[in-house]
Amino acid sequence: MICGIFGFWFLFQNWQQSQASQNLADSVERVRILPDTIKVNGDSLSFRGKANGRIFQVYYKLQSENEKGQFQALTALHDLELEGKLSEPEGQRNFGGFDYQAYLKTQGIYQILTVKRIQSLQKVGSWDIGENLSSLRRKAVVWIKTHFPDPMRNYMTGLLLGHLDTDFEEMNELYSSLGIIHLFALSGMQVGFFMDGFKKLLLRLGLTQEKLKWLTYPFSLIYAGLTGFSASVIRSLLQKLLAQHGVKGLDNFALTVLILFIIMPNFFLTAGGVFVLRLCFYLDYGQQRRRGPQGCDQRKSSHFLGNIAHSVLLFCGISTLVYPFDLCLFLSI
């Protein structure tokens, strides 16, 4: 029955995507800027905008330094009146190359809007939670950039907000050569740190565990929005929320996967999503093995070094077995 429900859900999602890709907009004259997607690279401006219930990838060539500074400092929600041209994103050019069209499709974007002329830029309000979180995230990014020097601001925006802009991309090769590029990927470690800190703060303020359990839900939503609804952050938040209700181990992992199938069906079409869940499975499976079939922790009845050796052998064994699969999967995505 569960397989049938999810099968129907996937068919519905596929039908919805095919309808969206066929019923494309003819023209767009007004678009709402999602502030946290703004990127300025030289005289090139790019961002994602919403219009008539659709999301567009927008590109514009900046005309002056004043205009450039205006968009770099923009944090609030704005509606942009424009003259532009709509086009479909290019697909894969070379064999094994990057498929930009498929990537945008996983983001729910089916058309590119190239702006020829900006007619007006008007500040607006909104009751949409996603739009307000986008504005809040942008405000945090701009505040960090204006109050901290390089490269500290790149570290902070990357580690705290998951925001890696053109300034970070310029240093990407250096970070890769130093072997620290992986430190800038938001992971469950940061999520666990902030969630635990939030809980300790509220407990010290006198809140009970029962009340705190429900307050973590709005906090999780806000934190997910501040990180741009990153796949790894949402996975970690879901596991944290399930754990506080007593769901742990592989049961926790399985429920997390099922929920991700519902709220983020395109999660599994990205390399990041697949590898995040793969690593999570390794960790949960290793913990389950150490606890034993009855759920008791074997570390209490065996030597400490023996447990370390068991963990290392288990990790190496699983990594060796799945490495060919991971390699083929990564090259095909």
Protein backbone atom coordinates (compact mmCIF):
# COMPACT_ATOMS: atom_id res chain seq x y z
CA MET A 1 0.00 0.00 0.00
CA ILE A 2 2.81 2.40 0.91
CA CYS A 3 4.60 1.62 -2.36
CA GLY A 4 1.37 2.31 -4.25
CA ILE A 5 0.90 5.68 -2.53
CA PHE A 6 4.44 6.78 -3.30
CA GLY A 7 4.18 5.45 -6.84
CA PHE A 8 1.07 7.57 -7.38
CA TRP A 9 2.86 10.56 -5.82
CA PHE A 10 5.83 10.23 -8.20
CA LEU A 11 3.51 9.91 -11.21
CA PHE A 12 1.66 13.03 -10.10
CA GLN A 13 4.95 14.93 -9.68
CA ASN A 14 6.11 13.80 -13.12
CA TRP A 15 2.81 14.89 -14.67
CA GLN A 16 2.99 18.24 -12.89
CA GLN A 17 6.54 18.86 -14.16
CA SER A 18 5.62 17.89 -17.73
CA GLN A 19 2.65 20.28 -17.63
CA ALA A 20 4.82 23.10 -16.30
CA SER A 21 7.46 22.52 -19.00
CA GLN A 22 4.81 22.58 -21.76
CA ASN A 23 2.70 25.52 -20.55
CA LEU A 24 5.42 28.15 -20.67
CA ALA A 25 4.84 31.87 -20.20
CA ASP A 26 4.78 34.06 -23.31
CA SER A 27 6.02 37.24 -21.64
CA VAL A 28 6.82 38.71 -18.24
CA GLU A 29 6.62 42.42 -17.44
CA ARG A 30 6.81 42.30 -13.63
CA VAL A 31 8.83 39.97 -11.42
CA ARG A 32 9.39 39.76 -7.66
CA ILE A 33 13.05 39.47 -6.69
CA LEU A 34 14.02 36.74 -4.24
CA PRO A 35 16.76 38.71 -2.44
CA ASP A 36 18.92 35.82 -1.21
CA THR A 37 19.49 34.63 -4.81
CA ILE A 38 21.06 37.92 -5.96
CA LYS A 39 24.56 37.51 -7.40
CA VAL A 40 26.68 40.32 -8.83
CA ASN A 41 29.70 39.32 -10.91
CA GLY A 42 31.34 42.33 -12.53
CA ASP A 43 28.61 44.00 -14.57
CA SER A 44 26.44 40.85 -14.62
CA LEU A 45 23.46 40.50 -12.30
CA SER A 46 21.56 37.26 -11.76
CA PHE A 47 18.75 36.31 -9.42
CA ARG A 48 15.60 34.23 -9.21
CA GLY A 49 12.25 35.94 -9.49
CA LYS A 50 8.60 35.00 -9.08
CA ALA A 51 5.81 35.98 -11.44
CA ASN A 52 2.32 34.49 -11.84
CA GLY A 53 3.16 31.53 -9.62
CA ARG A 54 6.29 30.64 -11.62
CA ILE A 55 9.98 30.98 -10.82
CA PHE A 56 12.39 32.38 -13.41
CA GLN A 57 16.16 32.58 -13.58
CA VAL A 58 16.80 36.24 -14.39
CA TYR A 59 19.90 37.81 -15.97
CA TYR A 60 20.68 41.49 -16.47
CA LYS A 61 23.70 43.53 -17.55
CA LEU A 62 24.25 46.37 -15.08
CA GLN A 63 24.46 49.81 -16.68
CA SER A 64 26.37 51.77 -14.02
CA GLU A 65 28.30 51.52 -10.75
CA ASN A 66 25.39 53.18 -8.96
CA GLU A 67 23.03 50.47 -10.19
CA LYS A 68 25.53 47.80 -9.19
CA GLY A 69 25.79 49.17 -5.66
CA GLN A 70 22.01 49.38 -5.41
CA PHE A 71 21.57 45.67 -6.10
CA GLN A 72 24.51 44.67 -3.90
CA ALA A 73 22.86 46.44 -0.96
CA LEU A 74 19.31 45.29 -1.75
CA THR A 75 17.81 43.24 1.10
CA ALA A 76 14.05 43.85 1.10
CA LEU A 77 11.46 42.39 -1.26
CA HIS A 78 11.10 44.39 -4.47
CA ASP A 79 8.97 44.13 -7.59
CA LEU A 80 10.84 44.81 -10.81
CA GLU A 81 9.03 46.21 -13.85
CA LEU A 82 11.02 45.39 -16.95
CA GLU A 83 11.34 44.76 -20.64
CA GLY A 84 12.84 41.38 -21.34
CA LYS A 85 12.93 38.21 -23.36
CA LEU A 86 12.04 34.70 -22.24
CA SER A 87 13.95 31.65 -23.42
CA GLU A 88 14.40 28.02 -22.49
CA PRO A 89 17.68 27.03 -20.77
CA GLU A 90 20.26 25.18 -22.83
CA GLY A 91 20.57 21.45 -22.36
CA GLN A 92 23.70 19.33 -22.31
CA ARG A 93 26.15 20.50 -24.96
CA ASN A 94 28.86 17.85 -24.71
CA PHE A 95 28.74 14.18 -23.80
CA GLY A 96 29.03 13.89 -20.02
CA GLY A 97 28.87 17.68 -19.65
CA PHE A 98 26.76 19.73 -17.29
CA ASP A 99 23.06 19.81 -18.16
CA TYR A 100 21.91 23.29 -17.10
CA GLN A 101 18.34 22.65 -18.22
CA ALA A 102 18.03 19.51 -16.09
CA TYR A 103 19.56 21.31 -13.11
CA LEU A 104 17.08 24.19 -13.31
CA LYS A 105 14.25 21.68 -13.67
CA THR A 106 15.15 20.20 -10.27
CA GLN A 107 14.76 23.74 -8.89
CA GLY A 108 11.33 24.17 -10.48
CA ILE A 109 12.63 26.61 -13.13
CA TYR A 110 11.74 26.11 -16.80
CA GLN A 111 12.52 29.49 -18.39
CA ILE A 112 15.26 32.11 -18.37
CA LEU A 113 14.38 35.80 -18.38
CA THR A 114 16.94 38.13 -19.94
CA VAL A 115 16.23 41.73 -18.93
CA LYS A 116 16.83 44.38 -21.57
CA ARG A 117 15.67 47.43 -19.61
CA ILE A 118 14.53 48.09 -16.04
CA GLN A 119 11.54 50.42 -15.89
CA SER A 120 11.04 50.63 -12.12
CA LEU A 121 12.05 49.00 -8.85
CA GLN A 122 9.41 49.13 -6.12
CA LYS A 123 9.66 47.91 -2.52
CA VAL A 124 6.77 45.64 -1.52
CA GLY A 125 5.51 43.65 1.45
CA SER A 126 4.44 40.02 1.51
CA TRP A 127 2.76 37.45 3.74
CA ASP A 128 4.61 34.60 2.03
CA ILE A 129 6.88 32.81 4.53
CA GLY A 130 9.39 31.75 1.88
CA GLU A 131 9.75 35.28 0.48
CA ASN A 132 10.23 36.78 3.95
CA LEU A 133 12.83 34.16 4.86
CA SER A 134 14.63 34.96 1.60
CA SER A 135 14.72 38.64 2.61
CA LEU A 136 15.88 37.79 6.14
CA ARG A 137 18.69 35.61 4.81
CA ARG A 138 19.79 38.35 2.43
CA LYS A 139 19.86 40.88 5.29
CA ALA A 140 22.11 38.54 7.29
CA VAL A 141 24.46 38.07 4.31
CA VAL A 142 24.74 41.81 3.62
CA TRP A 143 25.27 42.59 7.32
CA ILE A 144 28.12 40.06 7.56
CA LYS A 145 29.73 41.40 4.37
CA THR A 146 29.65 44.99 5.63
CA HIS A 147 30.93 44.24 9.14
CA PHE A 148 33.65 41.62 8.55
CA PRO A 149 36.75 41.59 6.30
CA ASP A 150 37.81 38.98 3.76
CA PRO A 151 38.15 36.04 4.10
CA MET A 152 36.27 35.98 7.42
CA ARG A 153 33.00 37.04 5.81
CA ASN A 154 33.25 34.20 3.28
CA TYR A 155 33.73 31.72 6.12
CA MET A 156 30.75 33.10 8.04
CA THR A 157 28.29 33.29 5.15
CA GLY A 158 29.30 29.81 4.00
CA LEU A 159 29.26 28.04 7.37
CA LEU A 160 26.33 29.87 8.99
CA LEU A 161 24.04 30.58 6.04
CA GLY A 162 25.18 28.24 3.27
CA HIS A 163 25.69 31.24 0.99
CA LEU A 164 28.63 30.90 -1.42
CA ASP A 165 28.75 33.88 -3.78
CA THR A 166 31.16 35.00 -6.50
CA ASP A 167 33.71 36.20 -3.90
CA PHE A 168 33.92 32.66 -2.56
CA GLU A 169 34.16 31.16 -6.05
CA GLU A 170 37.29 33.23 -6.69
CA MET A 171 38.94 31.52 -3.68
CA ASN A 172 37.54 28.09 -4.51
CA GLU A 173 40.76 26.80 -6.11
CA LEU A 174 42.84 27.93 -3.13
CA TYR A 175 40.52 26.25 -0.61
CA SER A 176 40.56 23.06 -2.71
CA SER A 177 44.38 23.01 -2.83
CA LEU A 178 44.50 23.44 0.96
CA GLY A 179 42.09 20.54 1.40
CA ILE A 180 39.52 22.56 3.37
CA ILE A 181 36.82 23.06 0.72
CA HIS A 182 34.60 20.43 2.40
CA LEU A 183 34.48 22.55 5.57
CA PHE A 184 32.30 25.10 3.77
CA ALA A 185 29.49 22.64 3.12
CA LEU A 186 26.63 22.95 5.59
CA SER A 187 26.19 19.62 7.32
CA GLY A 188 24.45 18.01 10.24
CA MET A 189 27.25 19.09 12.56
CA GLN A 190 26.33 22.77 12.31
CA VAL A 191 22.62 21.98 12.57
CA GLY A 192 23.16 19.89 15.69
CA PHE A 193 25.25 22.65 17.26
CA PHE A 194 22.60 25.34 16.72
CA MET A 195 19.68 23.09 17.70
CA ASP A 196 21.40 22.03 20.94
CA GLY A 197 22.31 25.64 21.71
CA PHE A 198 18.71 26.75 21.13
CA LYS A 199 17.40 24.03 23.45
CA LYS A 200 19.88 24.82 26.23
CA LEU A 201 19.05 28.53 26.04
CA LEU A 202 15.31 27.96 26.37
CA LEU A 203 15.75 25.39 29.15
CA ARG A 204 17.79 27.92 31.12
CA LEU A 205 14.97 30.42 30.63
CA GLY A 206 12.63 28.02 32.42
CA LEU A 207 10.79 26.25 29.61
CA THR A 208 9.77 22.63 30.12
CA GLN A 209 10.87 19.81 27.83
CA GLU A 210 7.30 19.36 26.59
CA LYS A 211 6.92 23.00 25.51
CA LEU A 212 10.42 23.05 24.06
CA LYS A 213 9.61 20.06 21.87
CA TRP A 214 7.02 22.07 19.93
CA LEU A 215 9.06 25.28 19.80
CA THR A 216 11.76 23.48 17.84
CA TYR A 217 9.40 23.26 14.83
CA PRO A 218 9.18 27.00 14.06
CA PHE A 219 12.89 27.35 14.90
CA SER A 220 13.70 24.58 12.40
CA LEU A 221 11.62 26.28 9.69
CA ILE A 222 13.36 29.62 10.24
CA TYR A 223 16.83 28.05 10.30
CA ALA A 224 16.09 26.05 7.13
CA GLY A 225 15.04 29.30 5.43
CA LEU A 226 18.18 31.10 6.59
CA THR A 227 20.29 28.40 4.95
CA GLY A 228 18.34 28.57 1.69
CA PHE A 229 16.51 25.29 2.39
CA SER A 230 19.73 23.38 1.82
CA ALA A 231 19.25 19.63 1.28
CA SER A 232 21.72 18.62 3.98
CA VAL A 233 20.19 21.03 6.51
CA ILE A 234 16.63 19.82 5.92
CA ARG A 235 17.78 16.21 6.25
CA SER A 236 19.51 16.94 9.53
CA LEU A 237 16.58 18.97 10.91
CA LEU A 238 14.14 16.17 10.08
CA GLN A 239 16.30 13.63 11.88
CA LYS A 240 16.60 15.92 14.91
CA LEU A 241 12.84 16.45 15.08
CA LEU A 242 12.12 12.73 14.74
CA ALA A 243 14.73 11.88 17.39
CA GLN A 244 13.04 14.10 19.98
CA HIS A 245 9.90 11.97 19.52
CA GLY A 246 11.83 8.77 20.23
CA VAL A 247 12.48 7.68 16.63
CA LYS A 248 16.16 6.74 16.37
CA GLY A 249 18.62 4.65 14.42
CA LEU A 250 17.64 3.16 11.08
CA ASP A 251 13.94 3.84 11.78
CA ASN A 252 14.82 7.52 11.97
CA PHE A 253 16.71 7.31 8.67
CA ALA A 254 13.87 5.47 6.92
CA LEU A 255 11.22 7.98 8.04
CA THR A 256 13.49 10.86 7.00
CA VAL A 257 13.79 9.40 3.50
CA LEU A 258 10.01 8.95 3.23
CA ILE A 259 9.36 12.55 4.32
CA LEU A 260 11.97 13.84 1.86
CA PHE A 261 10.22 11.91 -0.91
CA ILE A 262 7.09 13.94 -0.11
CA ILE A 263 8.39 17.46 0.54
CA MET A 264 11.44 17.43 -1.77
CA PRO A 265 10.95 14.81 -4.52
CA ASN A 266 13.78 16.33 -6.60
CA PHE A 267 16.16 15.89 -3.67
CA PHE A 268 17.28 12.53 -5.07
CA LEU A 269 18.04 13.91 -8.53
CA THR A 270 21.02 15.88 -7.23
CA ALA A 271 24.48 14.57 -6.37
CA GLY A 272 24.43 16.46 -3.06
CA GLY A 273 21.16 14.88 -1.97
CA VAL A 274 22.30 11.36 -2.79
CA PHE A 275 25.66 11.69 -1.05
CA VAL A 276 24.16 13.33 2.05
CA LEU A 277 21.82 10.38 2.55
CA ARG A 278 24.58 7.90 1.75
CA LEU A 279 26.82 9.29 4.50
CA CYS A 280 23.89 9.44 6.91
CA PHE A 281 23.12 5.78 6.24
CA TYR A 282 26.73 4.77 6.93
CA LEU A 283 26.68 6.52 10.30
CA ASP A 284 23.28 5.16 11.36
CA TYR A 285 24.14 1.64 10.22
CA GLY A 286 27.46 1.75 12.07
CA GLN A 287 25.77 2.86 15.29
CA GLN A 288 23.15 0.13 14.92
CA ARG A 289 25.87 -2.50 14.49
CA ARG A 290 27.71 -1.31 17.61
CA ARG A 291 24.55 -1.48 19.69
CA GLY A 292 23.82 -5.01 18.60
CA PRO A 293 20.59 -6.74 17.58
CA GLN A 294 18.88 -6.15 20.94
CA GLY A 295 19.64 -2.41 20.97
CA CYS A 296 22.15 -2.66 23.84
CA ASP A 297 25.35 -0.66 23.54
CA GLN A 298 28.20 -3.14 23.08
CA ARG A 299 30.77 -0.46 23.94
CA LYS A 300 30.01 -0.98 27.63
CA SER A 301 30.93 -4.65 27.55
CA SER A 302 33.93 -4.58 25.23
CA HIS A 303 37.27 -2.86 25.08
CA PHE A 304 37.46 0.74 23.83
CA LEU A 305 40.12 -0.04 21.22
CA GLY A 306 38.08 -2.97 19.99
CA ASN A 307 35.14 -0.66 19.32
CA ILE A 308 37.36 1.74 17.38
CA ALA A 309 38.75 -1.11 15.28
CA HIS A 310 35.22 -2.38 14.62
CA SER A 311 34.07 1.08 13.48
CA VAL A 312 37.08 1.56 11.20
CA LEU A 313 36.70 -1.88 9.61
CA LEU A 314 32.97 -1.37 9.11
CA PHE A 315 33.46 2.02 7.49
CA CYS A 316 36.27 0.79 5.22
CA GLY A 317 34.27 -2.27 4.22
CA ILE A 318 31.15 -0.34 3.29
CA SER A 319 33.16 2.37 1.51
CA THR A 320 35.01 -0.23 -0.57
CA LEU A 321 31.80 -1.98 -1.58
CA VAL A 322 29.89 1.14 -2.60
CA TYR A 323 32.76 3.13 -4.14
CA PRO A 324 32.21 1.79 -7.70
CA PHE A 325 28.49 2.56 -7.38
CA ASP A 326 29.19 6.09 -6.12
CA LEU A 327 31.68 6.72 -8.93
CA CYS A 328 29.21 5.67 -11.64
CA LEU A 329 26.40 7.64 -10.01
CA PHE A 330 28.47 10.81 -9.66
CA LEU A 331 29.59 10.67 -13.29
CA SER A 332 26.03 10.16 -14.50
CA ILE A 333 24.45 13.06 -12.53
